[in-house]
Amino acid sequence: MSSEYVSNSKDTIKVGITVGLVACVALFASLMSIDQQLGLQNGVFFKTLEHAFGVDPVLAIFIGFCGAAIIGIIYNLVSDKWRTFRIITPTKGILTGAVTGAIVFGLVFVPLHTGVLIPAVEANIFSSEPDDFLSEEISALKHVLINNTHVLWYGAFMHVIFGSILGLMSGFVVSERYRTVKRIRSFW
């Protein structure tokens, strides 16, 4: 038995796709509940996303699943290539996954939220032709603007949970690869 693991990128990519999709499915219901979390009518948040990004909701969901698979691939490739980040236990996977979720939140969600979504909401509220939204939806959008901090905290929470699930699933799948690898304090 060898004490070192030999990397296989194809297997790592397959694992990344699988765990990324599993983590995305696990959080899909939470994303659908964002309207209730913000006190909005059902569908207003996704309708706003549709207008902000110009993407059909079904296509947006598909893009979200593709993004989750890409995040899973990158997470598993990075953890496979750098010894410090190897997911030798599910616990380490949870921690590194939570860090990954926080990084994705900071690098992807915050710029899209502040640079695209919030200006689109403001444009929909202050436009002279609010034909796309009912008056109740306009008041709900004002509520989103007022509670922008809540949206950011909820987004951060959801990204960290997504990363933790991603890491946990990766830990379950790939920890067997590192069974014979020397461990420092049985965790790192």
N, C-alpha and C. Protein backbone atom coordinates (compact mmCIF):
# COMPACT_ATOMS: atom_id res chain seq x y z
N MET A 1 0.83 -1.18 0.00
CA MET A 1 0.00 0.00 0.00
C MET A 1 0.87 1.23 0.00
N SER A 2 0.55 2.13 -0.89
CA SER A 2 1.28 3.38 -0.99
C SER A 2 0.74 4.37 0.03
N SER A 3 1.62 5.24 0.51
CA SER A 3 1.19 6.24 1.47
C SER A 3 0.83 7.55 0.78
N GLU A 4 0.90 7.60 -0.52
CA GLU A 4 0.56 8.80 -1.28
C GLU A 4 -0.57 8.50 -2.25
N TYR A 5 -1.36 9.48 -2.52
CA TYR A 5 -2.47 9.35 -3.45
C TYR A 5 -2.04 9.83 -4.82
N VAL A 6 -2.39 9.10 -5.86
CA VAL A 6 -2.11 9.50 -7.23
C VAL A 6 -3.40 10.10 -7.80
N SER A 7 -3.31 11.34 -8.26
CA SER A 7 -4.46 12.08 -8.73
C SER A 7 -4.98 11.55 -10.06
N ASN A 8 -6.30 11.52 -10.21
CA ASN A 8 -6.95 11.19 -11.45
C ASN A 8 -7.96 12.29 -11.74
N SER A 9 -7.61 13.19 -12.68
CA SER A 9 -8.42 14.39 -12.93
C SER A 9 -9.82 14.06 -13.45
N LYS A 10 -9.96 13.00 -14.26
CA LYS A 10 -11.28 12.66 -14.79
C LYS A 10 -12.23 12.27 -13.66
N ASP A 11 -11.76 11.47 -12.74
CA ASP A 11 -12.60 11.08 -11.60
C ASP A 11 -12.93 12.29 -10.74
N THR A 12 -11.95 13.17 -10.56
CA THR A 12 -12.17 14.36 -9.75
C THR A 12 -13.21 15.27 -10.39
N ILE A 13 -13.19 15.40 -11.70
CA ILE A 13 -14.18 16.21 -12.41
C ILE A 13 -15.57 15.59 -12.28
N LYS A 14 -15.66 14.28 -12.40
CA LYS A 14 -16.95 13.59 -12.24
C LYS A 14 -17.51 13.80 -10.83
N VAL A 15 -16.63 13.68 -9.85
CA VAL A 15 -17.06 13.90 -8.46
C VAL A 15 -17.51 15.35 -8.29
N GLY A 16 -16.76 16.29 -8.87
CA GLY A 16 -17.11 17.71 -8.75
C GLY A 16 -18.48 18.02 -9.34
N ILE A 17 -18.75 17.48 -10.51
CA ILE A 17 -20.06 17.70 -11.14
C ILE A 17 -21.17 17.12 -10.26
N THR A 18 -20.96 15.91 -9.81
CA THR A 18 -21.99 15.23 -9.02
C THR A 18 -22.28 15.96 -7.71
N VAL A 19 -21.24 16.28 -6.95
CA VAL A 19 -21.47 16.92 -5.65
C VAL A 19 -21.97 18.35 -5.82
N GLY A 20 -21.56 19.04 -6.89
CA GLY A 20 -22.08 20.37 -7.16
C GLY A 20 -23.57 20.34 -7.42
N LEU A 21 -24.00 19.36 -8.21
CA LEU A 21 -25.44 19.24 -8.50
C LEU A 21 -26.23 18.81 -7.27
N VAL A 22 -25.65 17.92 -6.47
CA VAL A 22 -26.33 17.49 -5.24
C VAL A 22 -26.51 18.67 -4.29
N ALA A 23 -25.46 19.48 -4.14
CA ALA A 23 -25.55 20.65 -3.26
C ALA A 23 -26.55 21.66 -3.79
N CYS A 24 -26.62 21.81 -5.10
CA CYS A 24 -27.57 22.75 -5.71
C CYS A 24 -29.00 22.28 -5.49
N VAL A 25 -29.25 21.00 -5.66
CA VAL A 25 -30.59 20.46 -5.43
C VAL A 25 -30.98 20.63 -3.96
N ALA A 26 -30.01 20.44 -3.07
CA ALA A 26 -30.29 20.56 -1.64
C ALA A 26 -30.73 21.98 -1.27
N LEU A 27 -30.25 22.96 -1.99
CA LEU A 27 -30.60 24.34 -1.66
C LEU A 27 -31.67 24.94 -2.56
N PHE A 28 -32.14 24.20 -3.54
CA PHE A 28 -33.11 24.74 -4.48
C PHE A 28 -34.38 25.21 -3.78
N ALA A 29 -34.87 24.44 -2.84
CA ALA A 29 -36.09 24.83 -2.11
C ALA A 29 -35.86 26.11 -1.30
N SER A 30 -34.66 26.25 -0.77
CA SER A 30 -34.35 27.46 -0.02
C SER A 30 -34.35 28.69 -0.92
N LEU A 31 -33.86 28.52 -2.14
CA LEU A 31 -33.87 29.64 -3.07
C LEU A 31 -35.29 29.99 -3.50
N MET A 32 -36.14 28.99 -3.55
CA MET A 32 -37.53 29.25 -3.90
C MET A 32 -38.27 29.96 -2.76
N SER A 33 -37.75 29.84 -1.54
CA SER A 33 -38.41 30.46 -0.39
C SER A 33 -37.92 31.87 -0.13
N ILE A 34 -37.12 32.42 -1.02
CA ILE A 34 -36.57 33.74 -0.78
C ILE A 34 -37.67 34.80 -0.70
N ASP A 35 -38.75 34.62 -1.45
CA ASP A 35 -39.87 35.56 -1.39
C ASP A 35 -40.47 35.61 0.01
N GLN A 36 -40.66 34.44 0.61
CA GLN A 36 -41.23 34.40 1.95
C GLN A 36 -40.26 35.00 2.97
N GLN A 37 -38.96 34.78 2.79
CA GLN A 37 -37.97 35.35 3.71
C GLN A 37 -37.98 36.87 3.67
N LEU A 38 -38.25 37.43 2.49
CA LEU A 38 -38.26 38.88 2.33
C LEU A 38 -39.65 39.48 2.51
N GLY A 39 -40.66 38.63 2.72
CA GLY A 39 -42.02 39.12 2.89
C GLY A 39 -42.63 39.59 1.58
N LEU A 40 -42.25 38.99 0.48
CA LEU A 40 -42.75 39.37 -0.84
C LEU A 40 -43.83 38.39 -1.30
N GLN A 41 -44.56 38.80 -2.33
CA GLN A 41 -45.49 37.88 -2.96
C GLN A 41 -44.69 36.81 -3.70
N ASN A 42 -45.29 35.65 -3.88
CA ASN A 42 -44.60 34.56 -4.58
C ASN A 42 -44.21 34.97 -5.99
N GLY A 43 -42.95 34.75 -6.34
CA GLY A 43 -42.47 34.98 -7.68
C GLY A 43 -41.92 36.36 -7.97
N VAL A 44 -42.06 37.32 -7.05
CA VAL A 44 -41.58 38.68 -7.33
C VAL A 44 -40.06 38.71 -7.45
N PHE A 45 -39.36 37.99 -6.59
CA PHE A 45 -37.90 38.00 -6.63
C PHE A 45 -37.39 37.43 -7.95
N PHE A 46 -37.95 36.31 -8.39
CA PHE A 46 -37.49 35.72 -9.65
C PHE A 46 -37.94 36.56 -10.85
N LYS A 47 -39.07 37.24 -10.73
CA LYS A 47 -39.49 38.14 -11.80
C LYS A 47 -38.50 39.30 -11.90
N THR A 48 -38.03 39.78 -10.78
CA THR A 48 -37.02 40.84 -10.77
C THR A 48 -35.73 40.34 -11.40
N LEU A 49 -35.33 39.12 -11.07
CA LEU A 49 -34.13 38.54 -11.67
C LEU A 49 -34.28 38.43 -13.18
N GLU A 50 -35.48 38.06 -13.62
CA GLU A 50 -35.73 37.93 -15.05
C GLU A 50 -35.53 39.27 -15.75
N HIS A 51 -36.03 40.35 -15.14
CA HIS A 51 -35.89 41.67 -15.75
C HIS A 51 -34.46 42.20 -15.62
N ALA A 52 -33.79 41.89 -14.51
CA ALA A 52 -32.44 42.40 -14.31
C ALA A 52 -31.44 41.77 -15.27
N PHE A 53 -31.54 40.47 -15.45
CA PHE A 53 -30.56 39.76 -16.27
C PHE A 53 -31.07 39.42 -17.66
N GLY A 54 -32.36 39.60 -17.90
CA GLY A 54 -32.93 39.31 -19.21
C GLY A 54 -32.94 37.83 -19.55
N VAL A 55 -33.11 36.99 -18.54
CA VAL A 55 -33.06 35.54 -18.73
C VAL A 55 -34.38 34.93 -18.26
N ASP A 56 -34.91 34.01 -19.04
CA ASP A 56 -36.12 33.27 -18.68
C ASP A 56 -35.86 32.49 -17.37
N PRO A 57 -36.82 32.43 -16.45
CA PRO A 57 -36.60 31.74 -15.17
C PRO A 57 -36.13 30.29 -15.30
N VAL A 58 -36.65 29.55 -16.27
CA VAL A 58 -36.23 28.16 -16.44
C VAL A 58 -34.75 28.11 -16.87
N LEU A 59 -34.37 29.00 -17.77
CA LEU A 59 -32.98 29.08 -18.19
C LEU A 59 -32.09 29.53 -17.03
N ALA A 60 -32.60 30.43 -16.19
CA ALA A 60 -31.84 30.89 -15.03
C ALA A 60 -31.58 29.73 -14.06
N ILE A 61 -32.58 28.87 -13.88
CA ILE A 61 -32.40 27.71 -13.01
C ILE A 61 -31.35 26.77 -13.61
N PHE A 62 -31.41 26.55 -14.91
CA PHE A 62 -30.42 25.71 -15.59
C PHE A 62 -29.02 26.30 -15.45
N ILE A 63 -28.90 27.61 -15.62
CA ILE A 63 -27.60 28.28 -15.46
C ILE A 63 -27.10 28.12 -14.02
N GLY A 64 -28.02 28.19 -13.05
CA GLY A 64 -27.64 27.98 -11.65
C GLY A 64 -27.09 26.59 -11.41
N PHE A 65 -27.72 25.58 -12.00
CA PHE A 65 -27.22 24.21 -11.86
C PHE A 65 -25.87 24.05 -12.54
N CYS A 66 -25.71 24.67 -13.71
CA CYS A 66 -24.39 24.61 -14.38
C CYS A 66 -23.32 25.30 -13.55
N GLY A 67 -23.67 26.45 -12.96
CA GLY A 67 -22.73 27.15 -12.09
C GLY A 67 -22.34 26.32 -10.89
N ALA A 68 -23.31 25.62 -10.30
CA ALA A 68 -23.02 24.76 -9.15
C ALA A 68 -22.09 23.62 -9.54
N ALA A 69 -22.30 23.05 -10.74
CA ALA A 69 -21.42 21.97 -11.20
C ALA A 69 -20.01 22.51 -11.43
N ILE A 70 -19.89 23.70 -11.99
CA ILE A 70 -18.56 24.29 -12.21
C ILE A 70 -17.88 24.58 -10.88
N ILE A 71 -18.62 25.10 -9.91
CA ILE A 71 -18.04 25.34 -8.58
C ILE A 71 -17.58 24.03 -7.97
N GLY A 72 -18.38 22.97 -8.12
CA GLY A 72 -17.99 21.65 -7.60
C GLY A 72 -16.72 21.14 -8.26
N ILE A 73 -16.59 21.32 -9.57
CA ILE A 73 -15.38 20.88 -10.28
C ILE A 73 -14.17 21.64 -9.77
N ILE A 74 -14.27 22.96 -9.72
CA ILE A 74 -13.13 23.78 -9.27
C ILE A 74 -12.76 23.43 -7.84
N TYR A 75 -13.76 23.30 -6.98
CA TYR A 75 -13.50 22.95 -5.57
C TYR A 75 -12.75 21.63 -5.46
N ASN A 76 -13.20 20.62 -6.19
CA ASN A 76 -12.56 19.31 -6.09
C ASN A 76 -11.19 19.28 -6.75
N LEU A 77 -11.01 20.00 -7.86
CA LEU A 77 -9.69 20.05 -8.49
C LEU A 77 -8.68 20.76 -7.60
N VAL A 78 -9.08 21.87 -7.01
CA VAL A 78 -8.18 22.59 -6.11
C VAL A 78 -7.83 21.73 -4.90
N SER A 79 -8.83 21.09 -4.32
CA SER A 79 -8.57 20.26 -3.14
C SER A 79 -7.74 19.03 -3.50
N ASP A 80 -7.82 18.58 -4.73
CA ASP A 80 -7.05 17.42 -5.16
C ASP A 80 -5.59 17.78 -5.46
N LYS A 81 -5.37 18.97 -5.98
CA LYS A 81 -4.02 19.36 -6.41
C LYS A 81 -3.16 19.88 -5.27
N TRP A 82 -3.75 20.59 -4.29
CA TRP A 82 -2.97 21.16 -3.20
C TRP A 82 -3.13 20.33 -1.95
N ARG A 83 -2.03 19.87 -1.47
CA ARG A 83 -2.01 18.92 -0.35
C ARG A 83 -2.73 19.46 0.90
N THR A 84 -2.55 20.73 1.18
CA THR A 84 -3.16 21.31 2.37
C THR A 84 -4.69 21.25 2.32
N PHE A 85 -5.26 21.34 1.12
CA PHE A 85 -6.71 21.40 0.97
C PHE A 85 -7.34 20.05 0.66
N ARG A 86 -6.57 18.97 0.68
CA ARG A 86 -7.15 17.66 0.38
C ARG A 86 -8.24 17.31 1.38
N ILE A 87 -9.30 16.80 0.85
CA ILE A 87 -10.47 16.48 1.68
C ILE A 87 -10.31 15.05 2.19
N ILE A 88 -9.56 14.92 3.26
CA ILE A 88 -9.29 13.58 3.77
C ILE A 88 -10.36 13.10 4.74
N THR A 89 -11.19 14.02 5.23
CA THR A 89 -12.31 13.65 6.09
C THR A 89 -13.53 14.51 5.71
N PRO A 90 -14.72 14.03 5.95
CA PRO A 90 -15.91 14.86 5.70
C PRO A 90 -15.91 16.16 6.51
N THR A 91 -15.37 16.13 7.72
CA THR A 91 -15.31 17.33 8.54
C THR A 91 -14.46 18.41 7.88
N LYS A 92 -13.32 18.02 7.36
CA LYS A 92 -12.47 18.97 6.66
C LYS A 92 -13.18 19.46 5.39
N GLY A 93 -13.94 18.59 4.75
CA GLY A 93 -14.72 18.98 3.59
C GLY A 93 -15.75 20.05 3.93
N ILE A 94 -16.41 19.90 5.06
CA ILE A 94 -17.40 20.89 5.48
C ILE A 94 -16.73 22.25 5.68
N LEU A 95 -15.60 22.27 6.36
CA LEU A 95 -14.92 23.53 6.63
C LEU A 95 -14.39 24.18 5.36
N THR A 96 -13.73 23.41 4.51
CA THR A 96 -13.21 23.99 3.28
C THR A 96 -14.35 24.37 2.33
N GLY A 97 -15.44 23.63 2.37
CA GLY A 97 -16.60 23.97 1.56
C GLY A 97 -17.25 25.27 2.01
N ALA A 98 -17.32 25.48 3.32
CA ALA A 98 -17.89 26.73 3.84
C ALA A 98 -17.03 27.92 3.41
N VAL A 99 -15.73 27.74 3.44
CA VAL A 99 -14.82 28.80 2.96
C VAL A 99 -15.05 29.04 1.47
N THR A 100 -15.22 27.98 0.71
CA THR A 100 -15.49 28.10 -0.73
C THR A 100 -16.80 28.87 -0.97
N GLY A 101 -17.83 28.56 -0.20
CA GLY A 101 -19.10 29.29 -0.32
C GLY A 101 -18.94 30.76 -0.02
N ALA A 102 -18.14 31.09 1.00
CA ALA A 102 -17.89 32.49 1.33
C ALA A 102 -17.13 33.20 0.21
N ILE A 103 -16.19 32.50 -0.41
CA ILE A 103 -15.43 33.09 -1.52
C ILE A 103 -16.35 33.34 -2.72
N VAL A 104 -17.19 32.37 -3.05
CA VAL A 104 -18.13 32.54 -4.16
C VAL A 104 -19.09 33.69 -3.87
N PHE A 105 -19.54 33.80 -2.63
CA PHE A 105 -20.41 34.91 -2.25
C PHE A 105 -19.73 36.24 -2.50
N GLY A 106 -18.48 36.36 -2.06
CA GLY A 106 -17.76 37.62 -2.20
C GLY A 106 -17.37 37.96 -3.63
N LEU A 107 -17.01 36.95 -4.40
CA LEU A 107 -16.52 37.21 -5.76
C LEU A 107 -17.61 37.22 -6.83
N VAL A 108 -18.72 36.53 -6.59
CA VAL A 108 -19.76 36.44 -7.62
C VAL A 108 -21.06 37.13 -7.18
N PHE A 109 -21.58 36.74 -6.02
CA PHE A 109 -22.89 37.22 -5.61
C PHE A 109 -22.90 38.72 -5.33
N VAL A 110 -21.96 39.19 -4.53
CA VAL A 110 -21.96 40.61 -4.15
C VAL A 110 -21.84 41.52 -5.37
N PRO A 111 -20.90 41.27 -6.31
CA PRO A 111 -20.85 42.15 -7.49
C PRO A 111 -22.12 42.10 -8.35
N LEU A 112 -22.70 40.90 -8.53
CA LEU A 112 -23.94 40.81 -9.31
C LEU A 112 -25.10 41.49 -8.59
N HIS A 113 -25.14 41.34 -7.28
CA HIS A 113 -26.22 41.93 -6.51
C HIS A 113 -26.14 43.46 -6.52
N THR A 114 -24.96 43.99 -6.22
CA THR A 114 -24.83 45.44 -6.12
C THR A 114 -24.69 46.12 -7.48
N GLY A 115 -24.13 45.42 -8.46
CA GLY A 115 -23.91 46.04 -9.75
C GLY A 115 -25.00 45.84 -10.77
N VAL A 116 -25.81 44.78 -10.61
CA VAL A 116 -26.85 44.50 -11.61
C VAL A 116 -28.25 44.47 -10.99
N LEU A 117 -28.43 43.69 -9.93
CA LEU A 117 -29.78 43.49 -9.39
C LEU A 117 -30.35 44.76 -8.76
N ILE A 118 -29.61 45.39 -7.87
CA ILE A 118 -30.12 46.58 -7.18
C ILE A 118 -30.40 47.72 -8.18
N PRO A 119 -29.49 48.01 -9.14
CA PRO A 119 -29.85 49.04 -10.14
C PRO A 119 -31.09 48.66 -10.96
N ALA A 120 -31.28 47.36 -11.25
CA ALA A 120 -32.47 46.94 -12.00
C ALA A 120 -33.73 47.14 -11.17
N VAL A 121 -33.66 46.85 -9.88
CA VAL A 121 -34.81 47.06 -9.00
C VAL A 121 -35.14 48.54 -8.93
N GLU A 122 -34.10 49.37 -8.77
CA GLU A 122 -34.33 50.81 -8.73
C GLU A 122 -34.93 51.31 -10.03
N ALA A 123 -34.45 50.79 -11.15
CA ALA A 123 -34.99 51.21 -12.45
C ALA A 123 -36.45 50.79 -12.60
N ASN A 124 -36.79 49.61 -12.10
CA ASN A 124 -38.19 49.16 -12.19
C ASN A 124 -39.11 49.98 -11.29
N ILE A 125 -38.60 50.44 -10.17
CA ILE A 125 -39.42 51.23 -9.26
C ILE A 125 -39.63 52.63 -9.80
N PHE A 126 -38.56 53.22 -10.32
CA PHE A 126 -38.63 54.61 -10.73
C PHE A 126 -38.90 54.82 -12.22
N SER A 127 -39.15 53.72 -12.95
CA SER A 127 -39.43 53.89 -14.39
C SER A 127 -40.80 54.52 -14.58
N SER A 128 -40.92 55.21 -15.70
CA SER A 128 -42.20 55.88 -15.98
C SER A 128 -43.26 54.92 -16.49
N GLU A 129 -42.83 53.73 -16.92
CA GLU A 129 -43.77 52.74 -17.45
C GLU A 129 -43.65 51.42 -16.68
N PRO A 130 -44.22 51.34 -15.49
CA PRO A 130 -44.12 50.10 -14.70
C PRO A 130 -45.12 49.04 -15.15
N ASP A 131 -45.18 48.78 -16.46
CA ASP A 131 -46.14 47.81 -16.97
C ASP A 131 -45.82 46.38 -16.58
N ASP A 132 -44.55 46.11 -16.33
CA ASP A 132 -44.14 44.74 -16.02
C ASP A 132 -44.50 44.31 -14.60
N PHE A 133 -44.74 45.28 -13.72
CA PHE A 133 -45.00 44.97 -12.32
C PHE A 133 -46.31 45.60 -11.87
N LEU A 134 -47.03 44.90 -11.03
CA LEU A 134 -48.25 45.43 -10.43
C LEU A 134 -47.87 46.39 -9.31
N SER A 135 -48.83 47.17 -8.84
CA SER A 135 -48.52 48.13 -7.77
C SER A 135 -48.10 47.43 -6.48
N GLU A 136 -48.66 46.23 -6.22
CA GLU A 136 -48.24 45.48 -5.03
C GLU A 136 -46.80 45.01 -5.17
N GLU A 137 -46.45 44.64 -6.40
CA GLU A 137 -45.07 44.19 -6.65
C GLU A 137 -44.09 45.35 -6.55
N ILE A 138 -44.50 46.53 -6.97
CA ILE A 138 -43.64 47.71 -6.84
C ILE A 138 -43.38 48.00 -5.37
N SER A 139 -44.40 47.90 -4.53
CA SER A 139 -44.18 48.12 -3.09
C SER A 139 -43.29 47.01 -2.51
N ALA A 140 -43.42 45.80 -3.03
CA ALA A 140 -42.55 44.71 -2.58
C ALA A 140 -41.10 44.97 -2.99
N LEU A 141 -40.91 45.52 -4.18
CA LEU A 141 -39.55 45.85 -4.62
C LEU A 141 -38.95 46.96 -3.77
N LYS A 142 -39.77 47.91 -3.35
CA LYS A 142 -39.28 48.94 -2.42
C LYS A 142 -38.84 48.29 -1.11
N HIS A 143 -39.60 47.28 -0.70
CA HIS A 143 -39.24 46.54 0.51
C HIS A 143 -37.88 45.85 0.35
N VAL A 144 -37.61 45.31 -0.86
CA VAL A 144 -36.31 44.68 -1.13
C VAL A 144 -35.19 45.71 -1.00
N LEU A 145 -35.41 46.90 -1.55
CA LEU A 145 -34.38 47.94 -1.45
C LEU A 145 -34.14 48.36 -0.02
N ILE A 146 -35.21 48.48 0.75
CA ILE A 146 -35.06 48.89 2.15
C ILE A 146 -34.32 47.81 2.94
N ASN A 147 -34.61 46.55 2.64
CA ASN A 147 -34.01 45.42 3.36
C ASN A 147 -32.83 44.81 2.60
N ASN A 148 -32.07 45.61 1.93
CA ASN A 148 -30.94 45.11 1.15
C ASN A 148 -29.93 44.39 2.03
N THR A 149 -29.73 44.86 3.24
CA THR A 149 -28.79 44.20 4.15
C THR A 149 -29.27 42.79 4.47
N HIS A 150 -30.57 42.62 4.65
CA HIS A 150 -31.13 41.29 4.90
C HIS A 150 -30.88 40.36 3.72
N VAL A 151 -31.03 40.88 2.51
CA VAL A 151 -30.78 40.08 1.31
C VAL A 151 -29.32 39.63 1.28
N LEU A 152 -28.41 40.53 1.60
CA LEU A 152 -26.98 40.18 1.60
C LEU A 152 -26.66 39.13 2.66
N TRP A 153 -27.21 39.28 3.86
CA TRP A 153 -26.96 38.29 4.91
C TRP A 153 -27.55 36.93 4.55
N TYR A 154 -28.76 36.94 4.00
CA TYR A 154 -29.40 35.69 3.58
C TYR A 154 -28.59 35.04 2.46
N GLY A 155 -28.11 35.85 1.52
CA GLY A 155 -27.26 35.33 0.44
C GLY A 155 -25.97 34.74 0.97
N ALA A 156 -25.35 35.40 1.93
CA ALA A 156 -24.11 34.87 2.52
C ALA A 156 -24.38 33.54 3.22
N PHE A 157 -25.46 33.49 3.98
CA PHE A 157 -25.84 32.26 4.68
C PHE A 157 -26.07 31.12 3.68
N MET A 158 -26.79 31.40 2.60
CA MET A 158 -27.09 30.36 1.62
C MET A 158 -25.82 29.88 0.91
N HIS A 159 -24.89 30.78 0.63
CA HIS A 159 -23.65 30.37 -0.02
C HIS A 159 -22.78 29.52 0.90
N VAL A 160 -22.73 29.87 2.16
CA VAL A 160 -21.94 29.07 3.12
C VAL A 160 -22.57 27.69 3.30
N ILE A 161 -23.89 27.63 3.37
CA ILE A 161 -24.57 26.34 3.48
C ILE A 161 -24.33 25.50 2.22
N PHE A 162 -24.43 26.13 1.04
CA PHE A 162 -24.14 25.42 -0.21
C PHE A 162 -22.72 24.85 -0.18
N GLY A 163 -21.74 25.66 0.21
CA GLY A 163 -20.36 25.19 0.28
C GLY A 163 -20.17 24.07 1.29
N SER A 164 -20.85 24.17 2.42
CA SER A 164 -20.74 23.12 3.43
C SER A 164 -21.30 21.79 2.92
N ILE A 165 -22.43 21.84 2.23
CA ILE A 165 -23.02 20.62 1.66
C ILE A 165 -22.09 20.07 0.57
N LEU A 166 -21.54 20.97 -0.25
CA LEU A 166 -20.59 20.58 -1.29
C LEU A 166 -19.38 19.87 -0.67
N GLY A 167 -18.83 20.44 0.39
CA GLY A 167 -17.68 19.84 1.06
C GLY A 167 -18.01 18.53 1.74
N LEU A 168 -19.18 18.47 2.38
CA LEU A 168 -19.59 17.23 3.03
C LEU A 168 -19.73 16.10 2.03
N MET A 169 -20.42 16.37 0.92
CA MET A 169 -20.59 15.34 -0.11
C MET A 169 -19.24 14.93 -0.71
N SER A 170 -18.38 15.91 -0.95
CA SER A 170 -17.05 15.59 -1.47
C SER A 170 -16.27 14.76 -0.46
N GLY A 171 -16.41 15.11 0.81
CA GLY A 171 -15.73 14.33 1.85
C GLY A 171 -16.19 12.89 1.89
N PHE A 172 -17.49 12.67 1.71
CA PHE A 172 -18.00 11.30 1.68
C PHE A 172 -17.45 10.53 0.49
N VAL A 173 -17.33 11.20 -0.66
CA VAL A 173 -16.93 10.51 -1.88
C VAL A 173 -15.42 10.30 -1.96
N VAL A 174 -14.64 11.33 -1.67
CA VAL A 174 -13.20 11.25 -1.93
C VAL A 174 -12.35 10.90 -0.71
N SER A 175 -12.90 10.86 0.48
CA SER A 175 -12.07 10.58 1.65
C SER A 175 -11.43 9.19 1.59
N GLU A 176 -12.06 8.27 0.90
CA GLU A 176 -11.50 6.92 0.76
C GLU A 176 -10.18 6.94 -0.02
N ARG A 177 -10.03 7.91 -0.90
CA ARG A 177 -8.78 8.03 -1.67
C ARG A 177 -7.58 8.27 -0.76
N TYR A 178 -7.83 8.94 0.34
CA TYR A 178 -6.74 9.37 1.22
C TYR A 178 -6.62 8.51 2.47
N ARG A 179 -7.16 7.33 2.41
CA ARG A 179 -7.14 6.45 3.58
C ARG A 179 -5.73 6.18 4.07
N THR A 180 -4.76 6.05 3.17
CA THR A 180 -3.40 5.71 3.57
C THR A 180 -2.47 6.92 3.64
N VAL A 181 -2.99 8.12 3.38
CA VAL A 181 -2.17 9.32 3.42
C VAL A 181 -1.90 9.70 4.87
N LYS A 182 -0.65 10.05 5.16
CA LYS A 182 -0.28 10.45 6.51
C LYS A 182 -1.03 11.72 6.88
N ARG A 183 -1.60 11.71 8.09
CA ARG A 183 -2.41 12.83 8.56
C ARG A 183 -1.75 13.52 9.74
N ILE A 184 -1.99 14.79 9.81
CA ILE A 184 -1.53 15.58 10.94
C ILE A 184 -2.73 15.77 11.86
N ARG A 185 -2.65 15.23 13.06
CA ARG A 185 -3.74 15.30 14.03
C ARG A 185 -5.04 14.74 13.51
N SER A 186 -4.99 13.81 12.62
CA SER A 186 -6.11 13.07 12.01
C SER A 186 -7.12 13.94 11.27
N PHE A 187 -6.81 15.21 11.12
CA PHE A 187 -7.74 16.11 10.44
C PHE A 187 -7.12 16.72 9.18
N TRP A 188 -5.95 17.24 9.28
CA TRP A 188 -5.30 17.92 8.15
C TRP A 188 -4.49 16.94 7.37
